[in-house]
């Protein structure tokens, strides 16, 4: 079943693809009641003090604040990408001749796996056989 574009999973997947959310493992994770001054790094909604928040510290020192449910979706999608060997992806749209590698422009690619991207579409993980870069593109259903 596909998720609408405004569903938290769709937002998290888009942020992973465009780099706004990291795809590496956090160094530390803290859980406490949310503080209103933050927006969720996953869905961009304001955190509410009545809800639990996950604060994660990344290796580069960044701290991300997420709803506990968004944290779970982020971790699950990160692990799915890792299982298919996809890291630091770049979103590429489907053109008439198929996807092109965003790094070298090659059309010679290997499909690694796919996940639901939204209504009527799949995001397909690819590895360029020419330069070795991993990337994602959206394929219509």
N, C-alpha and C. Protein backbone atom coordinates (compact mmCIF):
# COMPACT_ATOMS: atom_id res chain seq x y z
N UNK A 1 0.84 -1.18 0.00
CA UNK A 1 0.00 0.00 0.00
C UNK A 1 0.88 1.24 0.00
N UNK A 2 0.59 2.20 -0.84
CA UNK A 2 1.39 3.41 -0.90
C UNK A 2 0.87 4.45 0.08
N UNK A 3 1.77 5.31 0.50
CA UNK A 3 1.44 6.35 1.46
C UNK A 3 1.28 7.68 0.74
N UNK A 4 0.34 8.54 1.18
CA UNK A 4 0.23 9.87 0.58
C UNK A 4 1.49 10.69 0.87
N UNK A 5 1.74 11.69 0.03
CA UNK A 5 2.97 12.48 0.15
C UNK A 5 3.11 13.18 1.50
N UNK A 6 1.99 13.47 2.18
CA UNK A 6 2.08 14.17 3.46
C UNK A 6 2.18 13.21 4.65
N UNK A 7 2.21 11.90 4.40
CA UNK A 7 2.37 10.91 5.47
C UNK A 7 3.81 11.00 6.01
N UNK A 8 4.00 10.85 7.32
CA UNK A 8 5.36 10.96 7.88
C UNK A 8 6.39 10.05 7.19
N UNK A 9 6.01 8.84 6.80
CA UNK A 9 6.97 7.95 6.13
C UNK A 9 7.43 8.54 4.81
N UNK A 10 6.50 9.10 4.04
CA UNK A 10 6.86 9.71 2.76
C UNK A 10 7.79 10.90 2.98
N UNK A 11 7.52 11.69 4.01
CA UNK A 11 8.39 12.85 4.31
C UNK A 11 9.78 12.39 4.72
N UNK A 12 9.85 11.35 5.55
CA UNK A 12 11.14 10.84 6.01
C UNK A 12 11.93 10.26 4.84
N UNK A 13 11.27 9.49 3.97
CA UNK A 13 11.96 8.94 2.81
C UNK A 13 12.48 10.04 1.89
N UNK A 14 11.70 11.08 1.70
CA UNK A 14 12.16 12.20 0.87
C UNK A 14 13.36 12.89 1.51
N UNK A 15 13.35 13.05 2.82
CA UNK A 15 14.46 13.70 3.51
C UNK A 15 15.72 12.83 3.52
N UNK A 16 15.56 11.52 3.57
CA UNK A 16 16.71 10.63 3.44
C UNK A 16 17.30 10.72 2.04
N UNK A 17 16.44 10.76 1.05
CA UNK A 17 16.89 10.81 -0.33
C UNK A 17 17.63 12.10 -0.65
N UNK A 18 17.10 13.23 -0.18
CA UNK A 18 17.75 14.50 -0.52
C UNK A 18 18.83 14.93 0.48
N UNK A 19 19.07 14.12 1.51
CA UNK A 19 20.17 14.39 2.44
C UNK A 19 19.82 15.21 3.66
N UNK A 20 18.56 15.65 3.79
CA UNK A 20 18.20 16.42 4.99
C UNK A 20 18.21 15.56 6.23
N UNK A 21 18.00 14.25 6.09
CA UNK A 21 18.16 13.30 7.19
C UNK A 21 19.35 12.41 6.84
N UNK A 22 20.25 12.19 7.79
CA UNK A 22 21.41 11.35 7.50
C UNK A 22 21.02 9.87 7.40
N UNK A 23 21.82 9.12 6.65
CA UNK A 23 21.56 7.68 6.56
C UNK A 23 22.57 6.86 7.34
N UNK A 24 23.38 7.53 8.17
CA UNK A 24 24.31 6.79 9.01
C UNK A 24 23.74 6.61 10.42
N UNK A 25 24.35 5.73 11.17
CA UNK A 25 23.88 5.37 12.51
C UNK A 25 24.17 6.50 13.50
N UNK A 26 23.21 6.85 14.36
CA UNK A 26 23.49 7.85 15.41
C UNK A 26 24.53 7.32 16.40
N UNK A 27 25.29 8.24 16.99
CA UNK A 27 26.27 7.88 18.01
C UNK A 27 25.58 7.66 19.35
N UNK A 28 24.63 8.55 19.68
CA UNK A 28 23.87 8.45 20.92
C UNK A 28 22.42 8.77 20.65
N UNK A 29 21.54 8.17 21.45
CA UNK A 29 20.11 8.43 21.35
C UNK A 29 19.56 8.67 22.75
N UNK A 30 18.80 9.74 22.91
CA UNK A 30 18.18 10.09 24.20
C UNK A 30 16.67 10.12 24.01
N UNK A 31 15.94 9.77 25.05
CA UNK A 31 14.48 9.82 25.03
C UNK A 31 13.99 10.62 26.22
N UNK A 32 13.12 11.59 25.97
CA UNK A 32 12.50 12.36 27.04
C UNK A 32 11.26 13.05 26.50
N UNK A 33 10.54 13.72 27.39
CA UNK A 33 9.37 14.46 26.92
C UNK A 33 9.82 15.60 26.03
N UNK A 34 9.07 15.82 24.99
CA UNK A 34 9.44 16.78 23.97
C UNK A 34 9.49 18.21 24.51
N UNK A 35 10.31 19.00 23.86
CA UNK A 35 10.39 20.43 24.15
C UNK A 35 9.83 21.19 22.95
N UNK A 36 8.94 22.10 23.22
CA UNK A 36 8.22 22.81 22.15
C UNK A 36 9.10 23.62 21.21
N UNK A 37 10.30 23.95 21.62
CA UNK A 37 11.11 24.82 20.76
C UNK A 37 11.65 24.11 19.53
N UNK A 38 11.44 22.80 19.40
CA UNK A 38 11.98 22.05 18.26
C UNK A 38 10.88 21.57 17.32
N UNK A 39 11.27 21.43 16.06
CA UNK A 39 10.43 20.77 15.06
C UNK A 39 11.04 19.41 14.80
N UNK A 40 10.21 18.46 14.48
CA UNK A 40 10.67 17.11 14.19
C UNK A 40 11.50 17.12 12.90
N UNK A 41 12.69 16.53 12.95
CA UNK A 41 13.55 16.45 11.77
C UNK A 41 12.99 15.49 10.72
N UNK A 42 12.04 14.64 11.12
CA UNK A 42 11.46 13.69 10.18
C UNK A 42 10.25 14.21 9.44
N UNK A 43 9.29 14.79 10.18
CA UNK A 43 8.03 15.22 9.55
C UNK A 43 7.85 16.73 9.53
N UNK A 44 8.71 17.46 10.21
CA UNK A 44 8.70 18.93 10.28
C UNK A 44 7.54 19.49 11.10
N UNK A 45 6.83 18.65 11.83
CA UNK A 45 5.78 19.13 12.73
C UNK A 45 6.42 19.54 14.06
N UNK A 46 5.77 20.47 14.75
CA UNK A 46 6.28 20.92 16.05
C UNK A 46 6.15 19.80 17.07
N UNK A 47 7.17 19.64 17.90
CA UNK A 47 7.13 18.65 18.98
C UNK A 47 6.26 19.20 20.10
N UNK A 48 5.46 18.34 20.71
CA UNK A 48 4.52 18.73 21.75
C UNK A 48 4.98 18.16 23.09
N UNK A 49 4.95 18.93 24.16
CA UNK A 49 5.45 18.47 25.47
C UNK A 49 4.77 17.22 26.03
N UNK A 50 3.59 16.90 25.56
CA UNK A 50 2.90 15.70 26.05
C UNK A 50 3.40 14.42 25.38
N UNK A 51 4.25 14.55 24.35
CA UNK A 51 4.73 13.40 23.59
C UNK A 51 6.20 13.12 23.89
N UNK A 52 6.60 11.89 23.63
CA UNK A 52 8.01 11.54 23.78
C UNK A 52 8.79 11.98 22.56
N UNK A 53 10.02 12.40 22.81
CA UNK A 53 10.93 12.86 21.76
C UNK A 53 12.18 12.01 21.79
N UNK A 54 12.75 11.76 20.63
CA UNK A 54 14.07 11.13 20.55
C UNK A 54 15.03 12.21 20.05
N UNK A 55 16.08 12.40 20.80
CA UNK A 55 17.15 13.28 20.36
C UNK A 55 18.32 12.38 20.00
N UNK A 56 18.82 12.51 18.78
CA UNK A 56 19.94 11.68 18.37
C UNK A 56 21.14 12.58 18.08
N UNK A 57 22.29 12.08 18.47
CA UNK A 57 23.54 12.77 18.20
C UNK A 57 24.27 12.00 17.12
N UNK A 58 24.65 12.71 16.05
CA UNK A 58 25.34 12.09 14.93
C UNK A 58 26.85 12.23 15.12
N UNK A 59 27.62 11.44 14.39
CA UNK A 59 29.08 11.45 14.51
C UNK A 59 29.67 12.83 14.21
N UNK A 60 29.02 13.60 13.35
CA UNK A 60 29.53 14.94 13.01
C UNK A 60 29.13 16.00 14.03
N UNK A 61 28.45 15.59 15.12
CA UNK A 61 28.06 16.52 16.18
C UNK A 61 26.65 17.07 16.05
N UNK A 62 26.00 16.86 14.92
CA UNK A 62 24.62 17.33 14.77
C UNK A 62 23.72 16.62 15.75
N UNK A 63 22.71 17.33 16.21
CA UNK A 63 21.66 16.74 17.06
C UNK A 63 20.34 16.91 16.34
N UNK A 64 19.62 15.79 16.21
CA UNK A 64 18.32 15.80 15.56
C UNK A 64 17.26 15.51 16.60
N UNK A 65 16.12 16.15 16.47
CA UNK A 65 14.98 15.97 17.38
C UNK A 65 13.84 15.38 16.56
N UNK A 66 13.31 14.22 17.01
CA UNK A 66 12.25 13.54 16.27
C UNK A 66 11.16 13.06 17.20
N UNK A 67 9.92 13.01 16.68
CA UNK A 67 8.87 12.30 17.39
C UNK A 67 9.34 10.86 17.54
N UNK A 68 8.92 10.18 18.57
CA UNK A 68 9.37 8.80 18.76
C UNK A 68 8.92 7.93 17.58
N UNK A 69 7.73 8.19 17.02
CA UNK A 69 7.24 7.41 15.88
C UNK A 69 8.06 7.73 14.62
N UNK A 70 8.42 8.98 14.41
CA UNK A 70 9.24 9.35 13.25
C UNK A 70 10.63 8.75 13.37
N UNK A 71 11.16 8.68 14.59
CA UNK A 71 12.45 8.05 14.81
C UNK A 71 12.40 6.59 14.36
N UNK A 72 11.33 5.88 14.72
CA UNK A 72 11.18 4.48 14.32
C UNK A 72 11.10 4.32 12.81
N UNK A 73 10.36 5.20 12.14
CA UNK A 73 10.25 5.14 10.68
C UNK A 73 11.60 5.44 10.03
N UNK A 74 12.33 6.42 10.56
CA UNK A 74 13.65 6.78 10.03
C UNK A 74 14.61 5.60 10.16
N UNK A 75 14.65 4.98 11.35
CA UNK A 75 15.56 3.86 11.58
C UNK A 75 15.20 2.69 10.65
N UNK A 76 13.91 2.40 10.49
CA UNK A 76 13.49 1.28 9.64
C UNK A 76 13.86 1.53 8.18
N UNK A 77 13.63 2.74 7.68
CA UNK A 77 13.96 3.03 6.28
C UNK A 77 15.46 3.03 6.06
N UNK A 78 16.23 3.54 7.03
CA UNK A 78 17.69 3.49 6.95
C UNK A 78 18.18 2.06 6.82
N UNK A 79 17.59 1.17 7.62
CA UNK A 79 18.01 -0.24 7.60
C UNK A 79 17.63 -0.91 6.28
N UNK A 80 16.48 -0.55 5.73
CA UNK A 80 16.08 -1.08 4.43
C UNK A 80 17.07 -0.66 3.36
N UNK A 81 17.46 0.59 3.38
CA UNK A 81 18.44 1.08 2.42
C UNK A 81 19.77 0.36 2.59
N UNK A 82 20.20 0.17 3.84
CA UNK A 82 21.47 -0.50 4.10
C UNK A 82 21.42 -1.95 3.60
N UNK A 83 20.29 -2.61 3.77
CA UNK A 83 20.14 -3.99 3.31
C UNK A 83 20.36 -4.08 1.81
N UNK A 84 19.93 -3.04 1.07
CA UNK A 84 20.10 -3.02 -0.37
C UNK A 84 21.38 -2.32 -0.80
N UNK A 85 22.21 -1.93 0.16
CA UNK A 85 23.48 -1.31 -0.16
C UNK A 85 23.38 0.11 -0.68
N UNK A 86 22.31 0.81 -0.36
CA UNK A 86 22.11 2.18 -0.85
C UNK A 86 22.49 3.16 0.24
N UNK A 87 23.46 4.04 -0.03
CA UNK A 87 23.86 5.08 0.92
C UNK A 87 24.02 6.39 0.17
N UNK A 88 23.76 7.49 0.86
CA UNK A 88 23.97 8.83 0.29
C UNK A 88 23.37 8.93 -1.10
N UNK A 89 22.09 8.69 -1.18
CA UNK A 89 21.41 8.65 -2.46
C UNK A 89 21.05 10.03 -2.97
N UNK A 90 20.80 10.10 -4.23
CA UNK A 90 20.34 11.32 -4.88
C UNK A 90 19.08 10.98 -5.65
N UNK A 91 18.04 11.78 -5.49
CA UNK A 91 16.79 11.52 -6.20
C UNK A 91 16.95 11.83 -7.67
N UNK A 92 16.49 10.93 -8.52
CA UNK A 92 16.54 11.11 -9.96
C UNK A 92 15.18 10.73 -10.51
N UNK A 93 14.62 11.54 -11.39
CA UNK A 93 13.32 11.23 -11.97
C UNK A 93 13.47 10.30 -13.17
N UNK A 94 12.43 9.56 -13.44
CA UNK A 94 12.40 8.67 -14.60
C UNK A 94 12.28 9.52 -15.85
N UNK A 95 13.15 9.29 -16.84
CA UNK A 95 12.97 9.96 -18.13
C UNK A 95 12.60 8.91 -19.18
N UNK A 96 12.48 9.29 -20.42
CA UNK A 96 12.01 8.38 -21.47
C UNK A 96 12.94 7.19 -21.65
N UNK A 97 14.23 7.36 -21.43
CA UNK A 97 15.20 6.29 -21.63
C UNK A 97 15.56 5.56 -20.34
N UNK A 98 14.86 5.86 -19.24
CA UNK A 98 15.18 5.24 -17.96
C UNK A 98 16.04 6.16 -17.11
N UNK A 99 16.39 5.72 -15.92
CA UNK A 99 17.16 6.58 -15.02
C UNK A 99 18.61 6.74 -15.47
N UNK A 100 19.15 7.90 -15.18
CA UNK A 100 20.57 8.18 -15.44
C UNK A 100 21.28 8.35 -14.11
N UNK A 101 22.52 7.95 -14.05
CA UNK A 101 23.32 8.16 -12.84
C UNK A 101 23.53 9.66 -12.66
N UNK A 102 23.25 10.20 -11.47
CA UNK A 102 23.44 11.64 -11.26
C UNK A 102 24.91 12.05 -11.24
N UNK A 103 25.83 11.11 -11.03
CA UNK A 103 27.25 11.44 -10.95
C UNK A 103 27.91 11.47 -12.33
N UNK A 104 27.65 10.44 -13.15
CA UNK A 104 28.36 10.35 -14.43
C UNK A 104 27.45 10.42 -15.65
N UNK A 105 26.11 10.38 -15.45
CA UNK A 105 25.17 10.47 -16.55
C UNK A 105 24.93 9.17 -17.29
N UNK A 106 25.54 8.09 -16.85
CA UNK A 106 25.40 6.80 -17.52
C UNK A 106 23.99 6.25 -17.35
N UNK A 107 23.51 5.53 -18.37
CA UNK A 107 22.21 4.85 -18.28
C UNK A 107 22.38 3.39 -17.89
N UNK A 108 23.57 2.92 -17.73
CA UNK A 108 23.82 1.53 -17.40
C UNK A 108 23.80 1.40 -15.88
N UNK A 109 22.72 0.82 -15.36
CA UNK A 109 22.54 0.73 -13.92
C UNK A 109 22.02 -0.65 -13.53
N UNK A 110 22.22 -1.02 -12.28
CA UNK A 110 21.72 -2.28 -11.73
C UNK A 110 20.70 -1.95 -10.66
N UNK A 111 19.51 -2.54 -10.74
CA UNK A 111 18.49 -2.33 -9.72
C UNK A 111 18.86 -3.14 -8.49
N UNK A 112 18.82 -2.49 -7.30
CA UNK A 112 19.15 -3.15 -6.04
C UNK A 112 17.92 -3.53 -5.25
N UNK A 113 16.81 -2.82 -5.44
CA UNK A 113 15.58 -3.08 -4.69
C UNK A 113 14.66 -1.89 -4.82
N UNK A 114 13.45 -2.02 -4.29
CA UNK A 114 12.50 -0.92 -4.38
C UNK A 114 11.68 -0.82 -3.12
N UNK A 115 11.18 0.39 -2.87
CA UNK A 115 10.28 0.66 -1.75
C UNK A 115 9.16 1.55 -2.26
N UNK A 116 8.02 1.52 -1.60
CA UNK A 116 6.89 2.35 -1.99
C UNK A 116 7.25 3.81 -1.78
N UNK A 117 7.03 4.63 -2.80
CA UNK A 117 7.38 6.05 -2.72
C UNK A 117 6.17 6.93 -2.49
N UNK A 118 5.03 6.49 -2.82
CA UNK A 118 3.83 7.30 -2.71
C UNK A 118 2.77 6.71 -3.62
N UNK A 119 1.69 7.41 -3.76
CA UNK A 119 0.56 6.90 -4.53
C UNK A 119 0.98 6.57 -5.97
N UNK A 120 0.90 5.29 -6.32
CA UNK A 120 1.18 4.87 -7.68
C UNK A 120 2.63 4.92 -8.11
N UNK A 121 3.59 4.91 -7.18
CA UNK A 121 4.99 4.98 -7.58
C UNK A 121 5.86 4.17 -6.62
N UNK A 122 7.01 3.75 -7.13
CA UNK A 122 8.01 3.05 -6.33
C UNK A 122 9.32 3.81 -6.44
N UNK A 123 10.08 3.84 -5.36
CA UNK A 123 11.44 4.35 -5.44
C UNK A 123 12.32 3.14 -5.64
N UNK A 124 13.14 3.16 -6.66
CA UNK A 124 13.99 2.04 -7.00
C UNK A 124 15.44 2.41 -6.70
N UNK A 125 16.11 1.56 -5.92
CA UNK A 125 17.52 1.77 -5.61
C UNK A 125 18.36 1.18 -6.75
N UNK A 126 19.34 1.94 -7.20
CA UNK A 126 20.22 1.51 -8.30
C UNK A 126 21.68 1.71 -7.92
N UNK A 127 22.54 0.97 -8.58
CA UNK A 127 23.98 1.21 -8.51
C UNK A 127 24.46 1.36 -9.94
N UNK A 128 25.17 2.46 -10.19
CA UNK A 128 25.71 2.71 -11.52
C UNK A 128 26.86 1.73 -11.76
N UNK A 129 26.81 1.00 -12.88
CA UNK A 129 27.86 0.04 -13.19
C UNK A 129 29.12 0.72 -13.71
N UNK A 130 28.99 1.98 -14.12
CA UNK A 130 30.15 2.70 -14.64
C UNK A 130 30.97 3.33 -13.52
N UNK A 131 30.30 4.07 -12.59
CA UNK A 131 31.06 4.78 -11.55
C UNK A 131 30.85 4.20 -10.15
N UNK A 132 29.86 3.31 -9.97
CA UNK A 132 29.65 2.67 -8.68
C UNK A 132 28.79 3.43 -7.69
N UNK A 133 28.28 4.60 -8.07
CA UNK A 133 27.46 5.40 -7.16
C UNK A 133 26.07 4.79 -6.99
N UNK A 134 25.54 4.85 -5.77
CA UNK A 134 24.18 4.41 -5.48
C UNK A 134 23.24 5.61 -5.60
N UNK A 135 22.07 5.38 -6.16
CA UNK A 135 21.08 6.45 -6.25
C UNK A 135 19.69 5.85 -6.31
N UNK A 136 18.68 6.71 -6.13
CA UNK A 136 17.29 6.30 -6.17
C UNK A 136 16.59 7.06 -7.30
N UNK A 137 15.60 6.44 -7.90
CA UNK A 137 14.74 7.17 -8.82
C UNK A 137 13.31 6.70 -8.58
N UNK A 138 12.37 7.53 -8.95
CA UNK A 138 10.95 7.21 -8.78
C UNK A 138 10.44 6.60 -10.08
N UNK A 139 9.86 5.42 -9.96
CA UNK A 139 9.31 4.70 -11.10
C UNK A 139 7.80 4.63 -10.93
N UNK A 140 7.03 5.02 -11.95
CA UNK A 140 5.57 4.90 -11.84
C UNK A 140 5.18 3.45 -11.66
N UNK A 141 4.07 3.23 -10.94
CA UNK A 141 3.58 1.87 -10.70
C UNK A 141 3.13 1.22 -11.99
